[in-house]
Amino acid sequence: MKRRHLIKAGGAGALALGASSAVRAEEEVFNWKLVMSWPKKFPGLATEMDWFVEQIKRVTNGRLNITIYGAGELVPAFEVFNAVSDGTAEMGHGAAYYWKGKIPEAELFTSVPFGLTPVEYNAWFSEGDGQDLLTELYKPFGVKPLLGGNSDYQMGGWFNKEINSLEDLQGLKIRMPGIGGEVFKRAGATVVSMPGGEIFTSMQSGVVDAADWVGPWNDQAFGLYKAAKYYYGGWQEPGSSIDLLFNEEAWNKLPEDIQAQVEIVSDALNQKMLSQFRLNNASSLKNLVENEGVELKFFPDDVVAKFKSITEEYLTEYAAQSDMAKKIADSYLDFKAKQVALSENEAHILRYRLP
């Protein structure tokens, strides 16, 4: 059953159950651990999980209590999926492209260069095939996925030199995960993998020449503008979806009313996080440019054209790696193709609106 059917059938009733009187003695209380790919209290990605945990405790009337562990506290940032799969933690929060080494097909569920925007992705995931496909993909590992938020479109990264041509990419050491990183690699750069918490010192010490993290809000929080002054507009992640992961065995032990409450609150989390990023990215970008001396740049047209060409080649290879990958790619790209006319109209709306 798709989540939207469950929500339509039980939305208000499920939340009402959470507002009932004190927990009865015969009702079981569940105490869970949640591991994240980011530090605790990190703006947006982690702070919204604090909100999520509070709401779950409230609507379940204390029957489901979740303790949050930041990256490195219980498991490393990139081991969140494994921790949920093996039962080290009942829940996880992270980006699907972090588990590409374990599940190559997963990376498309974070973002695709020149792909779906957050609104389009949410529609594909919740109303199209996305939820069913990701559920099928994670099933062999005993993991149940839900949408866990979206950090909106990402910037193209921080650079210690200007990018004026394809030649400037040759040998460039850059931290960029996902398909975007693969595109840079094929364009001649050297791609370095590291958690977000290591980016600032790596840029200061010269381990990398450039790095993307999330967007203005989070990049400002990490002080990345102190390590490089050139800030490039994005292309690689037009919308970055986050996984909310559940150990399937633990999930199946929950009563149906708590399962429904968790699904409903996760929907609210997904929208709330996106709204937070849209609000704070705007003010943070303004501050970085106007008060911190950051130079906002955009990649030259020929560089973007090369990025797009490599992306198309990569997606062809992605679809050929397995039957499951082909199902995912076909569904994603078909949905994207159907958005073209509407997206063109949206572009005109943005172009015409007043400042």
Protein backbone atom coordinates (compact mmCIF):
# COMPACT_ATOMS: atom_id res chain seq x y z
CA MET A 1 0.00 0.00 0.00
CA LYS A 2 1.34 3.45 -0.89
CA ARG A 3 1.83 5.90 1.97
CA ARG A 4 -0.64 8.36 0.52
CA HIS A 5 -3.43 5.77 0.79
CA LEU A 6 -2.57 5.10 4.41
CA ILE A 7 -2.47 8.80 5.16
CA LYS A 8 -5.83 9.49 3.50
CA ALA A 9 -7.39 6.61 5.38
CA GLY A 10 -5.99 7.27 8.81
CA GLY A 11 -4.39 10.71 8.99
CA ALA A 12 -6.54 12.59 11.45
CA GLY A 13 -7.47 9.50 13.40
CA ALA A 14 -3.88 8.41 13.83
CA LEU A 15 -2.83 11.75 15.23
CA ALA A 16 -5.84 11.80 17.49
CA LEU A 17 -4.69 8.52 18.98
CA GLY A 18 -1.46 10.25 19.95
CA ALA A 19 -3.36 12.89 21.88
CA SER A 20 -5.12 10.36 24.10
CA SER A 21 -4.78 10.15 27.86
CA ALA A 22 -1.73 8.80 29.70
CA VAL A 23 -0.16 5.55 28.51
CA ARG A 24 -2.03 2.60 29.87
CA ALA A 25 -0.02 0.08 31.84
CA GLU A 26 -0.57 -2.66 29.28
CA GLU A 27 0.73 -0.53 26.36
CA GLU A 28 4.32 -1.28 25.42
CA VAL A 29 6.83 1.56 25.35
CA PHE A 30 9.48 1.50 22.61
CA ASN A 31 12.89 3.12 23.10
CA TRP A 32 14.80 3.56 19.85
CA LYS A 33 18.16 4.86 18.68
CA LEU A 34 18.45 7.13 15.62
CA VAL A 35 21.85 7.61 13.92
CA MET A 36 22.54 10.49 11.54
CA SER A 37 25.07 11.33 8.84
CA TRP A 38 25.52 14.85 10.28
CA PRO A 39 26.54 16.35 13.62
CA LYS A 40 23.89 16.86 16.27
CA LYS A 41 22.31 20.32 16.30
CA PHE A 42 23.50 20.98 12.74
CA PRO A 43 21.11 23.55 11.19
CA GLY A 44 18.24 22.03 9.24
CA LEU A 45 19.45 18.49 8.74
CA ALA A 46 19.86 17.71 12.45
CA THR A 47 17.71 20.35 14.15
CA GLU A 48 14.65 19.24 12.21
CA MET A 49 15.26 15.72 13.50
CA ASP A 50 15.04 17.13 17.03
CA TRP A 51 11.60 18.43 16.04
CA PHE A 52 10.69 15.05 14.52
CA VAL A 53 11.61 13.17 17.70
CA GLU A 54 9.66 15.60 19.87
CA GLN A 55 6.57 15.24 17.68
CA ILE A 56 6.78 11.44 17.68
CA LYS A 57 6.94 11.39 21.47
CA ARG A 58 3.99 13.79 21.63
CA VAL A 59 1.64 12.08 19.17
CA THR A 60 2.39 8.59 20.52
CA ASN A 61 1.87 9.85 24.06
CA GLY A 62 5.35 8.67 25.05
CA ARG A 63 4.98 5.17 23.61
CA LEU A 64 7.83 5.74 21.13
CA ASN A 65 10.91 7.51 22.46
CA ILE A 66 13.87 8.13 20.16
CA THR A 67 17.44 9.05 21.17
CA ILE A 68 19.47 10.85 18.50
CA TYR A 69 23.15 10.15 17.78
CA GLY A 70 25.13 12.48 15.55
CA ALA A 71 27.73 11.41 13.01
CA GLY A 72 30.57 9.57 14.73
CA GLU A 73 28.84 9.19 18.10
CA LEU A 74 27.55 5.66 17.58
CA VAL A 75 28.61 4.96 13.98
CA PRO A 76 30.53 6.94 11.31
CA ALA A 77 28.57 9.28 9.03
CA PHE A 78 28.64 6.94 6.03
CA GLU A 79 27.70 3.83 8.06
CA VAL A 80 24.16 4.90 8.91
CA PHE A 81 22.50 2.50 6.48
CA ASN A 82 24.55 -0.46 7.74
CA ALA A 83 23.73 0.41 11.34
CA VAL A 84 20.01 0.34 10.62
CA SER A 85 20.30 -2.80 8.51
CA ASP A 86 22.12 -4.78 11.21
CA GLY A 87 19.99 -3.45 14.06
CA THR A 88 22.65 -1.35 15.77
CA ALA A 89 20.05 1.42 15.56
CA GLU A 90 16.34 1.23 14.81
CA MET A 91 16.40 4.41 12.71
CA GLY A 92 18.75 6.37 10.49
CA HIS A 93 18.84 9.72 8.70
CA GLY A 94 21.17 10.30 5.77
CA ALA A 95 21.55 10.70 2.02
CA ALA A 96 21.10 7.64 -0.21
CA TYR A 97 24.24 8.34 -2.23
CA TYR A 98 26.29 7.74 0.93
CA TRP A 99 25.50 4.00 0.61
CA LYS A 100 26.35 3.80 -3.09
CA GLY A 101 29.16 1.35 -2.29
CA LYS A 102 26.65 -1.07 -0.79
CA ILE A 103 23.70 -0.33 -3.08
CA PRO A 104 24.84 1.28 -6.37
CA GLU A 105 21.27 1.99 -7.47
CA ALA A 106 20.54 4.09 -4.37
CA GLU A 107 22.35 7.24 -5.47
CA LEU A 108 19.59 8.38 -7.80
CA PHE A 109 17.29 8.75 -4.77
CA THR A 110 19.29 11.68 -3.39
CA SER A 111 19.57 13.82 -6.51
CA VAL A 112 20.42 13.78 -10.21
CA PRO A 113 22.27 16.62 -11.96
CA PHE A 114 19.84 18.62 -14.10
CA GLY A 115 17.09 16.42 -12.64
CA LEU A 116 13.96 16.81 -10.55
CA THR A 117 13.40 19.80 -8.27
CA PRO A 118 12.21 19.14 -4.67
CA VAL A 119 8.57 19.65 -5.65
CA GLU A 120 8.92 17.33 -8.64
CA TYR A 121 10.84 14.73 -6.65
CA ASN A 122 8.24 14.68 -3.88
CA ALA A 123 5.52 14.17 -6.48
CA TRP A 124 7.45 11.31 -8.13
CA PHE A 125 8.24 9.70 -4.78
CA SER A 126 4.86 9.98 -3.09
CA GLU A 127 2.44 9.93 -6.03
CA GLY A 128 4.56 8.15 -8.64
CA ASP A 129 6.81 5.10 -8.39
CA GLY A 130 9.56 6.43 -6.12
CA GLN A 131 8.37 5.09 -2.78
CA ASP A 132 7.65 1.62 -4.16
CA LEU A 133 10.99 1.45 -5.98
CA LEU A 134 13.07 2.52 -2.98
CA THR A 135 11.14 0.12 -0.73
CA GLU A 136 11.91 -2.71 -3.16
CA LEU A 137 15.57 -1.67 -3.35
CA TYR A 138 16.11 -1.64 0.43
CA LYS A 139 13.95 -4.70 1.21
CA PRO A 140 16.79 -7.28 0.91
CA PHE A 141 18.70 -5.37 3.59
CA GLY A 142 15.83 -5.34 6.08
CA VAL A 143 15.41 -1.57 5.83
CA LYS A 144 12.18 0.39 5.33
CA PRO A 145 12.55 3.89 3.82
CA LEU A 146 10.44 7.03 4.10
CA LEU A 147 11.12 10.58 2.98
CA GLY A 148 13.20 12.32 5.62
CA GLY A 149 13.39 15.88 4.31
CA ASN A 150 14.92 17.85 1.47
CA SER A 151 17.70 20.45 1.66
CA ASP A 152 16.51 22.22 -1.53
CA TYR A 153 18.83 22.83 -4.47
CA GLN A 154 22.52 22.85 -3.67
CA MET A 155 25.18 25.35 -4.60
CA GLY A 156 27.97 24.27 -6.93
CA GLY A 157 30.60 24.50 -4.22
CA TRP A 158 33.45 26.56 -2.79
CA PHE A 159 36.57 27.02 -4.93
CA ASN A 160 39.98 28.51 -4.21
CA LYS A 161 40.32 29.54 -7.85
CA GLU A 162 37.97 30.65 -10.60
CA ILE A 163 36.68 28.12 -13.12
CA ASN A 164 36.83 29.80 -16.51
CA SER A 165 37.24 26.78 -18.78
CA LEU A 166 37.32 23.00 -18.87
CA GLU A 167 41.10 23.21 -18.51
CA ASP A 168 40.66 24.61 -15.00
CA LEU A 169 39.04 21.32 -13.93
CA GLN A 170 42.09 19.20 -14.79
CA GLY A 171 43.61 17.84 -11.59
CA LEU A 172 41.28 19.89 -9.39
CA LYS A 173 40.83 18.14 -6.03
CA ILE A 174 37.19 18.43 -5.05
CA ARG A 175 34.92 16.99 -2.40
CA MET A 176 31.61 16.24 -4.08
CA PRO A 177 29.50 13.11 -3.50
CA GLY A 178 26.92 11.48 -5.73
CA ILE A 179 26.57 11.71 -9.47
CA GLY A 180 27.92 15.26 -9.42
CA GLY A 181 31.22 13.94 -8.10
CA GLU A 182 31.36 11.32 -10.85
CA VAL A 183 30.77 14.04 -13.43
CA PHE A 184 33.66 16.11 -12.06
CA LYS A 185 35.87 13.02 -12.11
CA ARG A 186 35.09 12.30 -15.76
CA ALA A 187 35.70 15.96 -16.59
CA GLY A 188 39.26 15.63 -15.26
CA ALA A 189 39.04 16.46 -11.56
CA THR A 190 40.14 14.29 -8.64
CA VAL A 191 37.19 13.56 -6.38
CA VAL A 192 37.77 13.10 -2.64
CA SER A 193 35.20 11.51 -0.32
CA MET A 194 34.79 12.84 3.21
CA PRO A 195 32.05 13.64 5.75
CA GLY A 196 30.87 17.21 6.02
CA GLY A 197 32.65 17.76 9.32
CA GLU A 198 36.06 17.38 7.63
CA ILE A 199 35.51 19.85 4.78
CA PHE A 200 36.69 23.06 6.44
CA THR A 201 40.05 21.77 7.68
CA SER A 202 40.62 19.90 4.41
CA MET A 203 40.15 23.10 2.42
CA GLN A 204 42.33 25.12 4.76
CA SER A 205 45.13 22.56 4.62
CA GLY A 206 44.96 22.06 0.86
CA VAL A 207 43.76 18.46 0.96
CA VAL A 208 41.07 19.66 -1.46
CA ASP A 209 40.90 22.70 -3.73
CA ALA A 210 37.12 22.85 -3.77
CA ALA A 211 34.12 21.33 -2.03
CA ASP A 212 30.37 21.34 -2.02
CA TRP A 213 28.42 20.78 1.17
CA VAL A 214 24.75 21.71 1.13
CA GLY A 215 23.81 25.33 0.57
CA PRO A 216 24.27 28.84 2.00
CA TRP A 217 22.66 28.13 5.38
CA ASN A 218 24.76 25.06 6.18
CA ASP A 219 27.88 26.29 4.39
CA GLN A 220 27.82 29.47 6.45
CA ALA A 221 27.42 27.43 9.65
CA PHE A 222 30.56 25.45 8.74
CA GLY A 223 32.47 28.67 8.04
CA LEU A 224 33.40 27.53 4.54
CA TYR A 225 33.54 31.15 3.35
CA LYS A 226 36.69 31.50 5.47
CA ALA A 227 38.42 28.75 3.46
CA ALA A 228 37.55 29.83 -0.10
CA LYS A 229 36.02 33.00 -1.50
CA TYR A 230 34.54 31.78 -4.79
CA TYR A 231 31.04 30.35 -4.38
CA TYR A 232 29.53 28.78 -7.49
CA GLY A 233 25.89 28.38 -8.45
CA GLY A 234 24.64 24.81 -8.52
CA TRP A 235 23.73 22.27 -11.17
CA GLN A 236 24.54 18.92 -9.57
CA GLU A 237 21.72 18.67 -7.03
CA PRO A 238 18.57 20.58 -8.04
CA GLY A 239 16.95 19.10 -4.96
CA SER A 240 18.53 16.84 -2.33
CA SER A 241 16.24 14.28 -0.73
CA ILE A 242 17.11 12.65 2.58
CA ASP A 243 16.36 9.07 3.62
CA LEU A 244 14.52 8.30 6.84
CA LEU A 245 15.45 4.66 7.47
CA PHE A 246 13.83 2.07 9.72
CA ASN A 247 15.05 -1.36 10.70
CA GLU A 248 12.23 -3.48 9.28
CA GLU A 249 12.14 -5.91 12.19
CA ALA A 250 11.84 -3.05 14.67
CA TRP A 251 9.23 -1.34 12.50
CA ASN A 252 7.09 -4.48 12.36
CA LYS A 253 7.03 -4.65 16.14
CA LEU A 254 5.30 -1.27 16.36
CA PRO A 255 1.50 -1.25 16.71
CA GLU A 256 -0.30 -0.10 13.56
CA ASP A 257 -1.40 3.18 15.12
CA ILE A 258 2.21 4.15 15.93
CA GLN A 259 3.32 3.17 12.42
CA ALA A 260 0.65 5.47 11.01
CA GLN A 261 1.70 8.30 13.32
CA VAL A 262 5.35 7.95 12.28
CA GLU A 263 4.44 8.05 8.59
CA ILE A 264 2.31 11.15 9.05
CA VAL A 265 4.96 13.00 11.07
CA SER A 266 7.60 12.05 8.48
CA ASP A 267 5.46 13.74 5.82
CA ALA A 268 5.36 16.87 7.97
CA LEU A 269 9.13 16.63 8.49
CA ASN A 270 9.73 16.46 4.75
CA GLN A 271 7.81 19.68 4.11
CA LYS A 272 9.07 21.49 7.20
CA MET A 273 12.73 20.84 6.41
CA LEU A 274 12.36 22.07 2.84
CA SER A 275 10.65 25.24 4.08
CA GLN A 276 13.42 25.83 6.61
CA PHE A 277 16.10 25.52 3.94
CA ARG A 278 14.30 27.82 1.52
CA LEU A 279 13.88 30.47 4.24
CA ASN A 280 17.41 30.32 5.64
CA ASN A 281 19.31 29.74 2.39
CA ALA A 282 18.01 33.05 1.06
CA SER A 283 19.08 35.11 4.08
CA SER A 284 22.41 33.29 4.39
CA LEU A 285 23.35 33.81 0.75
CA LYS A 286 22.56 37.51 1.08
CA ASN A 287 24.79 37.73 4.14
CA LEU A 288 27.67 35.82 2.54
CA VAL A 289 27.73 38.08 -0.49
CA GLU A 290 27.00 41.42 1.17
CA ASN A 291 28.85 41.05 4.48
CA GLU A 292 31.45 38.30 4.15
CA GLY A 293 33.03 39.24 0.83
CA VAL A 294 32.05 36.05 -0.97
CA GLU A 295 32.13 36.20 -4.77
CA LEU A 296 29.09 34.49 -6.27
CA LYS A 297 30.06 32.89 -9.58
CA PHE A 298 28.50 30.67 -12.23
CA PHE A 299 30.16 28.03 -14.37
CA PRO A 300 30.78 28.99 -18.02
CA ASP A 301 28.30 27.68 -20.57
CA ASP A 302 30.80 25.27 -22.14
CA VAL A 303 31.61 23.77 -18.75
CA VAL A 304 27.90 23.29 -17.95
CA ALA A 305 27.36 21.73 -21.40
CA LYS A 306 30.15 19.26 -20.65
CA PHE A 307 28.66 18.46 -17.26
CA LYS A 308 25.30 17.80 -18.89
CA SER A 309 26.79 15.57 -21.59
CA ILE A 310 28.66 13.49 -19.00
CA THR A 311 25.52 13.22 -16.86
CA GLU A 312 23.54 11.81 -19.79
CA GLU A 313 26.29 9.25 -20.45
CA TYR A 314 26.41 8.30 -16.80
CA LEU A 315 22.65 7.77 -16.55
CA THR A 316 22.81 5.42 -19.54
CA GLU A 317 25.47 3.41 -17.72
CA TYR A 318 23.51 3.56 -14.48
CA ALA A 319 20.43 2.05 -16.14
CA ALA A 320 22.51 -0.77 -17.66
CA GLN A 321 23.98 -2.00 -14.37
CA SER A 322 20.93 -4.02 -13.28
CA ASP A 323 17.26 -4.62 -13.98
CA MET A 324 16.43 -2.65 -10.85
CA ALA A 325 18.53 0.30 -11.97
CA LYS A 326 16.73 0.33 -15.31
CA LYS A 327 13.33 0.36 -13.57
CA ILE A 328 14.42 3.28 -11.41
CA ALA A 329 16.01 5.28 -14.23
CA ASP A 330 13.11 4.70 -16.62
CA SER A 331 10.55 5.82 -14.04
CA TYR A 332 12.57 8.87 -12.94
CA LEU A 333 13.38 10.09 -16.45
CA ASP A 334 9.85 9.46 -17.72
CA PHE A 335 8.45 11.55 -14.86
CA LYS A 336 11.00 14.27 -15.58
CA ALA A 337 10.08 14.35 -19.27
CA LYS A 338 6.44 14.88 -18.39
CA GLN A 339 7.38 17.95 -16.32
CA VAL A 340 9.07 19.85 -19.17
CA ALA A 341 6.16 22.01 -20.34
CA LEU A 342 5.15 22.91 -16.79
CA SER A 343 8.76 23.66 -15.83
CA GLU A 344 9.16 26.02 -18.79
CA ASN A 345 6.10 27.93 -17.63
CA GLU A 346 7.51 28.07 -14.11
CA ALA A 347 10.77 29.49 -15.48
CA HIS A 348 8.80 32.30 -17.15
CA ILE A 349 6.94 33.01 -13.92
CA LEU A 350 10.24 33.41 -12.07
CA ARG A 351 11.64 35.60 -14.85
CA TYR A 352 8.65 37.91 -14.94
CA ARG A 353 7.96 38.39 -11.23
CA LEU A 354 8.87 41.63 -9.50
CA PRO A 355 12.01 41.87 -7.31
